[in-house]
């Protein structure tokens, strides 16, 4: 996936979710996979935007475009979190985590477990 600074709209996310589940998929297959009625032309516009943002790509089979996501959901999530950290926390992961503790999104026990896992991961990387 290209590094992008453009976040996903809720409709783009819905289309991307269909691609993760059904790729490769035609615009019509994506349209049918959504939980809301939309015209195929609208889906084609969203797919084009996803390609422009680097979240999707297409190949051609005869005269049909087949679309697929360019990255796994977890990679897209990491990119979205990075955007949040950069935009709202001045690039500070610590500021984000402290805010999540303050707002009870994550509790101190979960944060401690996470810190232990990060430390084990870092130690493992040092030995390799």
Protein backbone atom coordinates (compact mmCIF):
# COMPACT_ATOMS: atom_id res chain seq x y z
CA UNK A 1 0.00 0.00 0.00
CA UNK A 2 1.28 3.47 -0.82
CA UNK A 3 1.79 5.65 2.22
CA UNK A 4 -1.21 7.92 2.22
CA UNK A 5 -2.29 10.85 4.32
CA UNK A 6 -5.86 10.57 3.15
CA UNK A 7 -8.13 8.72 5.57
CA UNK A 8 -10.96 6.45 4.48
CA UNK A 9 -14.55 7.63 4.47
CA UNK A 10 -17.10 5.24 5.95
CA UNK A 11 -18.27 4.24 2.45
CA UNK A 12 -14.70 3.67 1.27
CA UNK A 13 -14.12 1.50 4.33
CA UNK A 14 -17.29 -0.50 3.57
CA UNK A 15 -16.13 -1.09 -0.02
CA UNK A 16 -12.66 -2.06 1.16
CA UNK A 17 -14.20 -4.54 3.61
CA UNK A 18 -16.00 -6.21 0.71
CA UNK A 19 -12.71 -6.40 -1.19
CA UNK A 20 -11.02 -8.05 1.81
CA UNK A 21 -13.81 -10.63 1.92
CA UNK A 22 -14.36 -11.27 -1.80
CA UNK A 23 -11.37 -10.17 -3.85
CA UNK A 24 -10.89 -10.20 -6.67
CA UNK A 25 -14.30 -8.65 -7.28
CA UNK A 26 -16.05 -6.70 -10.00
CA UNK A 27 -17.75 -3.40 -9.22
CA UNK A 28 -21.09 -5.22 -9.41
CA UNK A 29 -19.94 -7.88 -6.94
CA UNK A 30 -18.80 -5.14 -4.58
CA UNK A 31 -22.16 -3.39 -4.96
CA UNK A 32 -23.99 -6.59 -4.08
CA UNK A 33 -21.70 -7.17 -1.09
CA UNK A 34 -22.64 -3.88 0.56
CA UNK A 35 -25.46 -3.56 3.06
CA UNK A 36 -26.87 -0.46 1.37
CA UNK A 37 -28.29 0.09 -2.11
CA UNK A 38 -25.95 2.07 -4.35
CA UNK A 39 -25.60 2.48 -8.10
CA UNK A 40 -22.77 0.65 -9.80
CA UNK A 41 -21.43 4.02 -11.02
CA UNK A 42 -21.12 5.14 -7.39
CA UNK A 43 -19.19 1.97 -6.58
CA UNK A 44 -16.87 2.56 -9.54
CA UNK A 45 -16.19 6.09 -8.24
CA UNK A 46 -15.38 4.76 -4.76
CA UNK A 47 -13.12 2.06 -6.23
CA UNK A 48 -11.28 4.72 -8.26
CA UNK A 49 -10.80 6.80 -5.10
CA UNK A 50 -9.47 3.75 -3.25
CA UNK A 51 -6.99 3.19 -6.08
CA UNK A 52 -5.95 6.85 -6.04
CA UNK A 53 -5.37 6.63 -2.28
CA UNK A 54 -3.39 3.41 -2.67
CA UNK A 55 -5.83 1.12 -0.86
CA UNK A 56 -6.95 -0.89 -3.92
CA UNK A 57 -5.77 -1.94 -7.36
CA UNK A 58 -7.41 -3.49 -10.37
CA UNK A 59 -6.54 -5.95 -13.07
CA UNK A 60 -8.37 -6.49 -16.33
CA UNK A 61 -9.97 -9.78 -17.32
CA UNK A 62 -11.27 -9.36 -20.86
CA UNK A 63 -13.36 -6.21 -20.59
CA UNK A 64 -13.96 -6.52 -16.84
CA UNK A 65 -12.05 -4.77 -14.09
CA UNK A 66 -11.32 -6.96 -11.08
CA UNK A 67 -10.55 -5.10 -7.86
CA UNK A 68 -8.55 -6.15 -4.81
CA UNK A 69 -7.22 -4.47 -1.69
CA UNK A 70 -3.51 -3.70 -1.70
CA UNK A 71 -3.01 -4.31 2.00
CA UNK A 72 -4.40 -6.40 4.86
CA UNK A 73 -6.88 -4.86 7.30
CA UNK A 74 -4.27 -4.74 10.08
CA UNK A 75 -1.90 -2.71 7.86
CA UNK A 76 -4.66 -0.24 7.01
CA UNK A 77 -5.49 0.03 10.73
CA UNK A 78 -1.85 0.78 11.54
CA UNK A 79 -1.82 3.49 8.89
CA UNK A 80 -5.02 5.01 10.31
CA UNK A 81 -3.60 5.00 13.84
CA UNK A 82 -0.40 6.61 12.57
CA UNK A 83 -2.52 9.38 11.03
CA UNK A 84 -4.31 9.90 14.36
CA UNK A 85 -1.00 9.99 16.26
CA UNK A 86 0.48 12.49 13.80
CA UNK A 87 -2.60 14.67 13.54
CA UNK A 88 -3.89 14.75 17.12
CA UNK A 89 -0.96 13.75 19.32
CA UNK A 90 1.93 15.59 17.71
CA UNK A 91 3.47 12.27 16.67
CA UNK A 92 3.59 10.98 20.26
CA UNK A 93 2.46 7.38 20.80
CA UNK A 94 2.85 8.00 24.53
CA UNK A 95 0.36 10.88 24.38
CA UNK A 96 -2.14 8.66 22.57
CA UNK A 97 -1.78 5.81 25.07
CA UNK A 98 -2.04 8.12 28.08
CA UNK A 99 -5.18 9.64 26.60
CA UNK A 100 -6.61 6.16 26.09
CA UNK A 101 -5.92 5.31 29.73
CA UNK A 102 -7.40 8.64 30.91
CA UNK A 103 -10.55 8.05 28.87
CA UNK A 104 -10.77 4.40 29.95
CA UNK A 105 -10.40 3.05 26.42
CA UNK A 106 -7.61 0.86 27.76
CA UNK A 107 -7.03 0.11 31.42
CA UNK A 108 -3.72 0.16 33.26
CA UNK A 109 -3.53 -3.65 33.40
CA UNK A 110 -3.92 -3.90 29.62
CA UNK A 111 -1.30 -1.19 29.17
CA UNK A 112 1.09 -3.08 31.46
CA UNK A 113 0.57 -6.31 29.49
CA UNK A 114 1.19 -4.41 26.28
CA UNK A 115 4.42 -2.91 27.67
CA UNK A 116 5.61 -6.40 28.64
CA UNK A 117 4.85 -7.75 25.16
CA UNK A 118 6.65 -4.84 23.52
CA UNK A 119 9.68 -5.43 25.76
CA UNK A 120 9.72 -9.17 24.89
CA UNK A 121 9.39 -8.35 21.20
CA UNK A 122 12.23 -5.83 21.34
CA UNK A 123 14.44 -8.29 23.21
CA UNK A 124 13.69 -11.00 20.63
CA UNK A 125 14.64 -8.63 17.79
CA UNK A 126 17.95 -7.79 19.51
CA UNK A 127 18.93 -11.47 19.62
CA UNK A 128 18.23 -12.03 15.92
